[in-house]
Amino acid sequence: EERMSNLQQRFEATVEKLQFEQQSRMDEMKQSTAEKAILNSQISSLERELKVLQERVSDKESTMDHSHTTLAKLRAEVTSLQRKNEELNNDKLDMEATLEELVLDKEQLREEKEMLEDQLEECKIDLESAQLELDDAKCQLEEEGGDVTVGAATTLDAEAGGGGDVGVSEGGA
């Protein structure tokens, strides 16, 4: 039972840790999605601004130098934002894969727990059977006119098939 209790505690601690990590990953994924939305809106805004600037450049030759500088800055910023967007997409895919692995790990632990619970139940049944056999043996010895003294180790010996110390003293010896 102590071993089962330890296994149960370890299982519960592992499940709790996996749930915490799963929640953490979900929070990161939400944050990543929010950042992506912001970046997409910034990209759209910058593309509109780029288009406006391109139209101004074509209309005004005197402001051409200034517009080219601004245009180059905007293009660099758009490129940078597009790279950041790609990185966020890759991070999101990694987080989704990790989340799937966590779900699989959790399911495996659940199956192990069920198996251990089944084994514990079998041990309880075996213990009850051994106790009944011991009680039957006591009754038989008492019916034959003897007193029976049985130690705690006898139950374990009987279960294991060992030869435990059973003291029998017959009345009137």
N, C-alpha and C. Protein backbone atom coordinates (compact mmCIF):
# COMPACT_ATOMS: atom_id res chain seq x y z
N GLU A 1 0.81 -1.18 0.00
CA GLU A 1 0.00 0.00 0.00
C GLU A 1 0.86 1.25 0.00
N GLU A 2 1.97 1.21 0.74
CA GLU A 2 2.86 2.37 0.79
C GLU A 2 3.45 2.63 -0.59
N ARG A 3 3.81 1.55 -1.26
CA ARG A 3 4.37 1.69 -2.61
C ARG A 3 3.31 2.28 -3.55
N MET A 4 2.10 1.78 -3.40
CA MET A 4 1.02 2.27 -4.24
C MET A 4 0.75 3.73 -3.94
N SER A 5 0.79 4.09 -2.67
CA SER A 5 0.58 5.48 -2.27
C SER A 5 1.66 6.37 -2.86
N ASN A 6 2.92 5.91 -2.79
CA ASN A 6 4.03 6.68 -3.37
C ASN A 6 3.84 6.83 -4.87
N LEU A 7 3.45 5.73 -5.53
CA LEU A 7 3.23 5.80 -6.98
C LEU A 7 2.08 6.74 -7.30
N GLN A 8 1.04 6.70 -6.48
CA GLN A 8 -0.10 7.57 -6.68
C GLN A 8 0.31 9.03 -6.54
N GLN A 9 1.13 9.32 -5.50
CA GLN A 9 1.58 10.70 -5.29
C GLN A 9 2.46 11.17 -6.43
N ARG A 10 3.36 10.29 -6.89
CA ARG A 10 4.22 10.66 -8.01
C ARG A 10 3.38 10.90 -9.26
N PHE A 11 2.38 10.04 -9.46
CA PHE A 11 1.51 10.20 -10.62
C PHE A 11 0.78 11.53 -10.56
N GLU A 12 0.21 11.84 -9.40
CA GLU A 12 -0.54 13.08 -9.26
C GLU A 12 0.37 14.29 -9.43
N ALA A 13 1.59 14.21 -8.91
CA ALA A 13 2.53 15.32 -9.06
C ALA A 13 2.89 15.51 -10.54
N THR A 14 3.09 14.39 -11.24
CA THR A 14 3.44 14.47 -12.66
C THR A 14 2.28 15.04 -13.47
N VAL A 15 1.06 14.60 -13.16
CA VAL A 15 -0.11 15.12 -13.87
C VAL A 15 -0.25 16.61 -13.62
N GLU A 16 -0.05 17.02 -12.35
CA GLU A 16 -0.14 18.45 -12.02
C GLU A 16 0.91 19.25 -12.77
N LYS A 17 2.12 18.71 -12.83
CA LYS A 17 3.20 19.40 -13.55
C LYS A 17 2.86 19.51 -15.03
N LEU A 18 2.34 18.42 -15.61
CA LEU A 18 1.99 18.44 -17.03
C LEU A 18 0.85 19.42 -17.30
N GLN A 19 -0.12 19.48 -16.40
CA GLN A 19 -1.21 20.42 -16.58
C GLN A 19 -0.71 21.86 -16.48
N PHE A 20 0.20 22.12 -15.55
CA PHE A 20 0.78 23.46 -15.42
C PHE A 20 1.54 23.82 -16.70
N GLU A 21 2.35 22.87 -17.19
CA GLU A 21 3.12 23.14 -18.41
C GLU A 21 2.19 23.33 -19.59
N GLN A 22 1.10 22.54 -19.65
CA GLN A 22 0.13 22.68 -20.72
C GLN A 22 -0.51 24.06 -20.68
N GLN A 23 -0.89 24.51 -19.50
CA GLN A 23 -1.51 25.84 -19.36
C GLN A 23 -0.52 26.92 -19.75
N SER A 24 0.73 26.74 -19.34
CA SER A 24 1.77 27.71 -19.68
C SER A 24 1.93 27.80 -21.19
N ARG A 25 1.94 26.64 -21.84
CA ARG A 25 2.09 26.63 -23.30
C ARG A 25 0.87 27.28 -23.97
N MET A 26 -0.30 27.02 -23.42
CA MET A 26 -1.50 27.61 -23.99
C MET A 26 -1.45 29.14 -23.85
N ASP A 27 -0.98 29.63 -22.70
CA ASP A 27 -0.85 31.07 -22.48
C ASP A 27 0.15 31.67 -23.46
N GLU A 28 1.26 30.97 -23.66
CA GLU A 28 2.26 31.46 -24.61
C GLU A 28 1.68 31.50 -26.02
N MET A 29 0.89 30.47 -26.37
CA MET A 29 0.29 30.42 -27.70
C MET A 29 -0.70 31.58 -27.87
N LYS A 30 -1.48 31.89 -26.82
CA LYS A 30 -2.43 33.00 -26.90
C LYS A 30 -1.69 34.32 -27.07
N GLN A 31 -0.60 34.48 -26.30
CA GLN A 31 0.19 35.71 -26.40
C GLN A 31 0.79 35.82 -27.80
N SER A 32 1.27 34.71 -28.31
CA SER A 32 1.87 34.68 -29.64
C SER A 32 0.84 35.05 -30.70
N THR A 33 -0.37 34.54 -30.54
CA THR A 33 -1.44 34.85 -31.49
C THR A 33 -1.80 36.33 -31.43
N ALA A 34 -1.84 36.88 -30.22
CA ALA A 34 -2.15 38.30 -30.07
C ALA A 34 -1.06 39.16 -30.72
N GLU A 35 0.20 38.79 -30.49
CA GLU A 35 1.31 39.52 -31.11
C GLU A 35 1.24 39.44 -32.63
N LYS A 36 0.86 38.28 -33.12
CA LYS A 36 0.75 38.10 -34.56
C LYS A 36 -0.33 39.02 -35.13
N ALA A 37 -1.47 39.12 -34.44
CA ALA A 37 -2.55 39.98 -34.89
C ALA A 37 -2.10 41.43 -34.91
N ILE A 38 -1.37 41.82 -33.88
CA ILE A 38 -0.85 43.20 -33.82
C ILE A 38 0.11 43.44 -34.98
N LEU A 39 1.00 42.48 -35.20
CA LEU A 39 1.97 42.62 -36.29
C LEU A 39 1.28 42.67 -37.65
N ASN A 40 0.25 41.85 -37.82
CA ASN A 40 -0.48 41.87 -39.09
C ASN A 40 -1.15 43.22 -39.31
N SER A 41 -1.72 43.78 -38.25
CA SER A 41 -2.35 45.10 -38.41
C SER A 41 -1.29 46.16 -38.69
N GLN A 42 -0.13 46.03 -38.04
CA GLN A 42 0.95 46.98 -38.31
C GLN A 42 1.44 46.85 -39.76
N ILE A 43 1.52 45.61 -40.23
CA ILE A 43 1.95 45.39 -41.62
C ILE A 43 0.95 46.02 -42.57
N SER A 44 -0.34 45.81 -42.31
CA SER A 44 -1.37 46.40 -43.18
C SER A 44 -1.28 47.92 -43.16
N SER A 45 -1.11 48.46 -41.96
CA SER A 45 -1.01 49.92 -41.83
C SER A 45 0.22 50.44 -42.57
N LEU A 46 1.33 49.74 -42.39
CA LEU A 46 2.56 50.17 -43.07
C LEU A 46 2.45 50.03 -44.58
N GLU A 47 1.77 49.00 -45.03
CA GLU A 47 1.60 48.84 -46.48
C GLU A 47 0.73 49.96 -47.04
N ARG A 48 -0.31 50.34 -46.31
CA ARG A 48 -1.13 51.49 -46.75
C ARG A 48 -0.30 52.77 -46.78
N GLU A 49 0.47 52.94 -45.72
CA GLU A 49 1.32 54.12 -45.65
C GLU A 49 2.35 54.11 -46.78
N LEU A 50 2.89 52.95 -47.07
CA LEU A 50 3.85 52.80 -48.16
C LEU A 50 3.20 53.18 -49.50
N LYS A 51 1.98 52.72 -49.67
CA LYS A 51 1.27 53.03 -50.92
C LYS A 51 1.04 54.54 -51.05
N VAL A 52 0.63 55.17 -49.96
CA VAL A 52 0.40 56.63 -49.97
C VAL A 52 1.70 57.36 -50.31
N LEU A 53 2.78 56.91 -49.67
CA LEU A 53 4.07 57.55 -49.94
C LEU A 53 4.52 57.35 -51.39
N GLN A 54 4.25 56.19 -51.92
CA GLN A 54 4.62 55.95 -53.33
C GLN A 54 3.86 56.89 -54.26
N GLU A 55 2.60 57.12 -53.94
CA GLU A 55 1.80 58.05 -54.76
C GLU A 55 2.33 59.48 -54.64
N ARG A 56 2.72 59.87 -53.43
CA ARG A 56 3.28 61.21 -53.24
C ARG A 56 4.58 61.38 -54.01
N VAL A 57 5.38 60.31 -54.00
CA VAL A 57 6.67 60.39 -54.70
C VAL A 57 6.46 60.63 -56.19
N SER A 58 5.49 59.94 -56.73
CA SER A 58 5.25 60.11 -58.16
C SER A 58 4.69 61.50 -58.48
N ASP A 59 3.98 62.10 -57.52
CA ASP A 59 3.40 63.43 -57.74
C ASP A 59 4.40 64.56 -57.50
N LYS A 60 5.32 64.39 -56.59
CA LYS A 60 6.21 65.49 -56.23
C LYS A 60 7.66 65.08 -56.41
N GLU A 61 8.28 65.66 -57.35
CA GLU A 61 9.68 65.35 -57.61
C GLU A 61 10.60 66.06 -56.62
N SER A 62 10.16 67.20 -56.09
CA SER A 62 11.00 67.97 -55.18
C SER A 62 11.19 67.25 -53.83
N THR A 63 10.23 66.45 -53.44
CA THR A 63 10.34 65.75 -52.15
C THR A 63 10.82 64.31 -52.34
N MET A 64 11.37 64.06 -53.50
CA MET A 64 11.76 62.69 -53.85
C MET A 64 12.78 62.09 -52.89
N ASP A 65 13.79 62.84 -52.51
CA ASP A 65 14.82 62.30 -51.63
C ASP A 65 14.25 61.89 -50.27
N HIS A 66 13.44 62.78 -49.73
CA HIS A 66 12.84 62.48 -48.43
C HIS A 66 11.92 61.25 -48.51
N SER A 67 11.14 61.19 -49.55
CA SER A 67 10.22 60.07 -49.71
C SER A 67 10.96 58.75 -49.88
N HIS A 68 12.05 58.76 -50.62
CA HIS A 68 12.84 57.53 -50.81
C HIS A 68 13.39 57.03 -49.48
N THR A 69 13.84 57.98 -48.67
CA THR A 69 14.37 57.59 -47.36
C THR A 69 13.26 56.96 -46.52
N THR A 70 12.12 57.61 -46.50
CA THR A 70 10.98 57.09 -45.73
C THR A 70 10.52 55.75 -46.29
N LEU A 71 10.48 55.67 -47.61
CA LEU A 71 10.07 54.43 -48.28
C LEU A 71 11.02 53.29 -47.92
N ALA A 72 12.30 53.57 -47.94
CA ALA A 72 13.29 52.53 -47.60
C ALA A 72 13.12 52.09 -46.14
N LYS A 73 12.86 53.06 -45.26
CA LYS A 73 12.64 52.72 -43.85
C LYS A 73 11.39 51.84 -43.70
N LEU A 74 10.34 52.25 -44.41
CA LEU A 74 9.10 51.47 -44.31
C LEU A 74 9.27 50.06 -44.87
N ARG A 75 9.98 49.97 -45.98
CA ARG A 75 10.22 48.63 -46.56
C ARG A 75 11.03 47.77 -45.60
N ALA A 76 12.04 48.36 -44.99
CA ALA A 76 12.85 47.61 -44.02
C ALA A 76 11.99 47.18 -42.83
N GLU A 77 11.13 48.08 -42.39
CA GLU A 77 10.26 47.74 -41.26
C GLU A 77 9.26 46.64 -41.64
N VAL A 78 8.70 46.73 -42.84
CA VAL A 78 7.77 45.68 -43.31
C VAL A 78 8.49 44.35 -43.38
N THR A 79 9.70 44.34 -43.91
CA THR A 79 10.48 43.10 -44.00
C THR A 79 10.76 42.54 -42.61
N SER A 80 11.11 43.40 -41.70
CA SER A 80 11.38 42.98 -40.33
C SER A 80 10.12 42.39 -39.69
N LEU A 81 9.00 43.06 -39.87
CA LEU A 81 7.74 42.56 -39.31
C LEU A 81 7.32 41.24 -39.95
N GLN A 82 7.58 41.09 -41.23
CA GLN A 82 7.25 39.83 -41.89
C GLN A 82 8.12 38.69 -41.32
N ARG A 83 9.39 38.97 -41.07
CA ARG A 83 10.27 37.96 -40.46
C ARG A 83 9.76 37.59 -39.06
N LYS A 84 9.38 38.60 -38.30
CA LYS A 84 8.86 38.36 -36.94
C LYS A 84 7.58 37.53 -37.00
N ASN A 85 6.75 37.83 -37.96
CA ASN A 85 5.51 37.08 -38.15
C ASN A 85 5.82 35.61 -38.45
N GLU A 86 6.78 35.36 -39.29
CA GLU A 86 7.19 33.99 -39.61
C GLU A 86 7.73 33.27 -38.37
N GLU A 87 8.52 33.97 -37.58
CA GLU A 87 9.03 33.38 -36.34
C GLU A 87 7.89 33.01 -35.40
N LEU A 88 6.91 33.89 -35.29
CA LEU A 88 5.75 33.61 -34.42
C LEU A 88 4.96 32.40 -34.92
N ASN A 89 4.85 32.29 -36.24
CA ASN A 89 4.17 31.11 -36.81
C ASN A 89 4.92 29.83 -36.45
N ASN A 90 6.24 29.88 -36.56
CA ASN A 90 7.05 28.70 -36.21
C ASN A 90 6.93 28.37 -34.73
N ASP A 91 6.95 29.40 -33.89
CA ASP A 91 6.78 29.18 -32.44
C ASP A 91 5.43 28.55 -32.14
N LYS A 92 4.40 29.02 -32.82
CA LYS A 92 3.07 28.48 -32.61
C LYS A 92 3.04 27.00 -32.99
N LEU A 93 3.63 26.63 -34.11
CA LEU A 93 3.67 25.23 -34.52
C LEU A 93 4.42 24.38 -33.50
N ASP A 94 5.53 24.90 -32.98
CA ASP A 94 6.29 24.17 -31.95
C ASP A 94 5.44 23.97 -30.70
N MET A 95 4.73 25.00 -30.29
CA MET A 95 3.89 24.90 -29.10
C MET A 95 2.76 23.91 -29.30
N GLU A 96 2.18 23.89 -30.48
CA GLU A 96 1.11 22.92 -30.76
C GLU A 96 1.64 21.50 -30.69
N ALA A 97 2.84 21.28 -31.23
CA ALA A 97 3.44 19.94 -31.17
C ALA A 97 3.72 19.54 -29.73
N THR A 98 4.23 20.47 -28.94
CA THR A 98 4.50 20.19 -27.53
C THR A 98 3.21 19.89 -26.79
N LEU A 99 2.18 20.63 -27.08
CA LEU A 99 0.89 20.40 -26.44
C LEU A 99 0.37 19.00 -26.77
N GLU A 100 0.51 18.57 -28.01
CA GLU A 100 0.09 17.22 -28.39
C GLU A 100 0.88 16.17 -27.62
N GLU A 101 2.18 16.40 -27.47
CA GLU A 101 3.01 15.46 -26.71
C GLU A 101 2.55 15.39 -25.25
N LEU A 102 2.22 16.54 -24.68
CA LEU A 102 1.76 16.56 -23.29
C LEU A 102 0.45 15.80 -23.12
N VAL A 103 -0.43 15.95 -24.09
CA VAL A 103 -1.69 15.23 -24.02
C VAL A 103 -1.44 13.73 -24.08
N LEU A 104 -0.53 13.30 -24.96
CA LEU A 104 -0.20 11.88 -25.06
C LEU A 104 0.44 11.37 -23.77
N ASP A 105 1.34 12.16 -23.19
CA ASP A 105 1.98 11.77 -21.93
C ASP A 105 0.95 11.63 -20.82
N LYS A 106 0.01 12.55 -20.79
CA LYS A 106 -1.02 12.51 -19.76
C LYS A 106 -1.86 11.24 -19.92
N GLU A 107 -2.21 10.89 -21.14
CA GLU A 107 -3.00 9.68 -21.39
C GLU A 107 -2.23 8.43 -20.98
N GLN A 108 -0.95 8.40 -21.27
CA GLN A 108 -0.13 7.25 -20.89
C GLN A 108 -0.09 7.12 -19.36
N LEU A 109 0.06 8.23 -18.66
CA LEU A 109 0.08 8.19 -17.20
C LEU A 109 -1.27 7.73 -16.64
N ARG A 110 -2.33 8.14 -17.29
CA ARG A 110 -3.66 7.71 -16.85
C ARG A 110 -3.79 6.19 -17.00
N GLU A 111 -3.29 5.65 -18.10
CA GLU A 111 -3.34 4.20 -18.31
C GLU A 111 -2.49 3.47 -17.28
N GLU A 112 -1.31 4.00 -16.97
CA GLU A 112 -0.45 3.39 -15.96
C GLU A 112 -1.14 3.40 -14.60
N LYS A 113 -1.82 4.49 -14.29
CA LYS A 113 -2.53 4.59 -13.02
C LYS A 113 -3.61 3.51 -12.94
N GLU A 114 -4.37 3.34 -14.02
CA GLU A 114 -5.43 2.33 -14.03
C GLU A 114 -4.84 0.94 -13.84
N MET A 115 -3.71 0.66 -14.49
CA MET A 115 -3.06 -0.63 -14.35
C MET A 115 -2.63 -0.86 -12.90
N LEU A 116 -2.05 0.16 -12.27
CA LEU A 116 -1.61 0.05 -10.88
C LEU A 116 -2.80 -0.13 -9.94
N GLU A 117 -3.88 0.54 -10.23
CA GLU A 117 -5.08 0.37 -9.41
C GLU A 117 -5.61 -1.05 -9.52
N ASP A 118 -5.57 -1.62 -10.75
CA ASP A 118 -5.99 -3.01 -10.93
C ASP A 118 -5.10 -3.96 -10.15
N GLN A 119 -3.79 -3.71 -10.18
CA GLN A 119 -2.86 -4.56 -9.44
C GLN A 119 -3.12 -4.45 -7.94
N LEU A 120 -3.39 -3.26 -7.46
CA LEU A 120 -3.69 -3.06 -6.05
C LEU A 120 -4.94 -3.84 -5.67
N GLU A 121 -5.96 -3.79 -6.50
CA GLU A 121 -7.19 -4.50 -6.23
C GLU A 121 -6.94 -6.01 -6.16
N GLU A 122 -6.10 -6.52 -7.07
CA GLU A 122 -5.75 -7.95 -7.05
C GLU A 122 -5.03 -8.31 -5.76
N CYS A 123 -4.13 -7.45 -5.30
CA CYS A 123 -3.41 -7.70 -4.05
C CYS A 123 -4.37 -7.73 -2.87
N LYS A 124 -5.35 -6.82 -2.87
CA LYS A 124 -6.33 -6.81 -1.80
C LYS A 124 -7.13 -8.11 -1.78
N ILE A 125 -7.51 -8.58 -2.96
CA ILE A 125 -8.27 -9.83 -3.05
C ILE A 125 -7.42 -11.00 -2.56
N ASP A 126 -6.15 -11.02 -2.97
CA ASP A 126 -5.25 -12.09 -2.51
C ASP A 126 -5.09 -12.04 -0.99
N LEU A 127 -5.00 -10.86 -0.43
CA LEU A 127 -4.85 -10.71 1.02
C LEU A 127 -6.11 -11.21 1.73
N GLU A 128 -7.28 -10.86 1.20
CA GLU A 128 -8.52 -11.33 1.80
C GLU A 128 -8.61 -12.85 1.74
N SER A 129 -8.21 -13.44 0.61
CA SER A 129 -8.23 -14.89 0.46
C SER A 129 -7.30 -15.54 1.47
N ALA A 130 -6.13 -14.98 1.65
CA ALA A 130 -5.17 -15.53 2.60
C ALA A 130 -5.71 -15.43 4.02
N GLN A 131 -6.37 -14.32 4.33
CA GLN A 131 -6.94 -14.14 5.67
C GLN A 131 -8.05 -15.16 5.91
N LEU A 132 -8.87 -15.40 4.90
CA LEU A 132 -9.94 -16.40 5.03
C LEU A 132 -9.35 -17.79 5.24
N GLU A 133 -8.31 -18.12 4.47
CA GLU A 133 -7.66 -19.42 4.64
C GLU A 133 -7.08 -19.55 6.03
N LEU A 134 -6.50 -18.49 6.54
CA LEU A 134 -5.93 -18.51 7.89
C LEU A 134 -7.03 -18.70 8.92
N ASP A 135 -8.14 -17.99 8.75
CA ASP A 135 -9.26 -18.15 9.67
C ASP A 135 -9.80 -19.58 9.64
N ASP A 136 -9.89 -20.16 8.43
CA ASP A 136 -10.34 -21.55 8.31
C ASP A 136 -9.40 -22.50 9.03
N ALA A 137 -8.10 -22.27 8.87
CA ALA A 137 -7.11 -23.13 9.52
C ALA A 137 -7.23 -23.01 11.04
N LYS A 138 -7.44 -21.78 11.54
CA LYS A 138 -7.61 -21.59 12.97
C LYS A 138 -8.83 -22.37 13.47
N CYS A 139 -9.93 -22.26 12.75
CA CYS A 139 -11.15 -22.96 13.15
C CYS A 139 -10.95 -24.46 13.18
N GLN A 140 -10.27 -24.98 12.17
CA GLN A 140 -10.02 -26.43 12.12
C GLN A 140 -9.17 -26.87 13.31
N LEU A 141 -8.15 -26.11 13.64
CA LEU A 141 -7.30 -26.47 14.77
C LEU A 141 -8.06 -26.38 16.08
N GLU A 142 -8.91 -25.37 16.21
CA GLU A 142 -9.71 -25.24 17.43
C GLU A 142 -10.69 -26.38 17.56
N GLU A 143 -11.26 -26.82 16.43
CA GLU A 143 -12.19 -27.94 16.44
C GLU A 143 -11.49 -29.23 16.86
N GLU A 144 -10.21 -29.33 16.58
CA GLU A 144 -9.45 -30.51 16.95
C GLU A 144 -9.01 -30.43 18.42
N GLY A 145 -9.39 -29.38 19.12
CA GLY A 145 -9.14 -29.27 20.54
C GLY A 145 -7.88 -28.52 20.90
N GLY A 146 -7.33 -27.75 20.03
CA GLY A 146 -6.09 -27.05 20.34
C GLY A 146 -6.28 -25.55 20.35
N ASP A 147 -5.37 -24.84 21.03
CA ASP A 147 -5.35 -23.39 21.01
C ASP A 147 -4.34 -22.95 19.96
N VAL A 148 -4.66 -21.89 19.27
CA VAL A 148 -3.78 -21.46 18.20
C VAL A 148 -3.29 -20.05 18.49
N THR A 149 -1.99 -19.85 18.38
CA THR A 149 -1.41 -18.52 18.51
C THR A 149 -0.73 -18.21 17.18
N VAL A 150 -1.16 -17.15 16.54
CA VAL A 150 -0.63 -16.83 15.22
C VAL A 150 -0.07 -15.42 15.26
N GLY A 151 1.18 -15.28 14.78
CA GLY A 151 1.81 -13.95 14.70
C GLY A 151 1.42 -13.24 13.43
N ALA A 152 1.72 -11.95 13.35
CA ALA A 152 1.39 -11.16 12.17
C ALA A 152 2.14 -11.65 10.95
N ALA A 153 3.34 -12.21 11.14
CA ALA A 153 4.13 -12.67 10.00
C ALA A 153 3.53 -13.92 9.38
N THR A 154 2.67 -14.65 10.11
CA THR A 154 2.09 -15.88 9.59
C THR A 154 1.24 -15.60 8.37
N THR A 155 0.50 -14.52 8.38
CA THR A 155 -0.34 -14.18 7.24
C THR A 155 0.51 -13.99 6.00
N LEU A 156 1.60 -13.29 6.13
CA LEU A 156 2.50 -13.07 4.99
C LEU A 156 3.15 -14.37 4.56
N ASP A 157 3.53 -15.21 5.53
CA ASP A 157 4.14 -16.50 5.19
C ASP A 157 3.14 -17.39 4.46
N ALA A 158 1.91 -17.41 4.92
CA ALA A 158 0.90 -18.23 4.30
C ALA A 158 0.66 -17.75 2.87
N GLU A 159 0.64 -16.45 2.67
CA GLU A 159 0.43 -15.89 1.33
C GLU A 159 1.58 -16.26 0.40
N ALA A 160 2.80 -16.19 0.95
CA ALA A 160 3.99 -16.48 0.14
C ALA A 160 4.26 -17.97 0.07
N GLY A 161 3.53 -18.77 0.81
CA GLY A 161 3.75 -20.21 0.79
C GLY A 161 4.88 -20.62 1.71
N GLY A 162 5.27 -19.73 2.62
CA GLY A 162 6.39 -20.01 3.52
C GLY A 162 5.93 -20.76 4.74
N GLY A 163 6.86 -21.21 5.52
CA GLY A 163 6.53 -21.94 6.73
C GLY A 163 6.67 -21.05 7.93
N GLY A 164 5.67 -20.24 8.21
CA GLY A 164 5.73 -19.33 9.34
C GLY A 164 5.62 -20.06 10.65
N ASP A 165 5.99 -19.37 11.73
CA ASP A 165 5.92 -19.99 13.06
C ASP A 165 4.48 -19.94 13.54
N VAL A 166 3.89 -21.09 13.70
CA VAL A 166 2.54 -21.19 14.24
C VAL A 166 2.67 -22.02 15.51
N GLY A 167 2.37 -21.41 16.65
CA GLY A 167 2.49 -22.13 17.91
C GLY A 167 1.17 -22.81 18.22
N VAL A 168 1.18 -24.11 18.45
CA VAL A 168 -0.03 -24.85 18.79
C VAL A 168 0.22 -25.53 20.11
N SER A 169 -0.66 -25.29 21.05
CA SER A 169 -0.55 -26.03 22.30
C SER A 169 -1.88 -26.67 22.56
N GLU A 170 -1.85 -27.97 22.77
CA GLU A 170 -3.08 -28.70 22.99
C GLU A 170 -3.40 -28.67 24.46
N GLY A 171 -4.69 -28.62 24.76
CA GLY A 171 -5.11 -28.58 26.15
C GLY A 171 -4.79 -29.88 26.87
N GLY A 172 -4.28 -29.83 28.09
CA GLY A 172 -4.00 -31.00 28.91
C GLY A 172 -2.70 -31.65 28.60
N ALA A 173 -1.76 -30.97 28.03
CA ALA A 173 -0.52 -31.60 27.68
C ALA A 173 0.32 -31.69 28.84
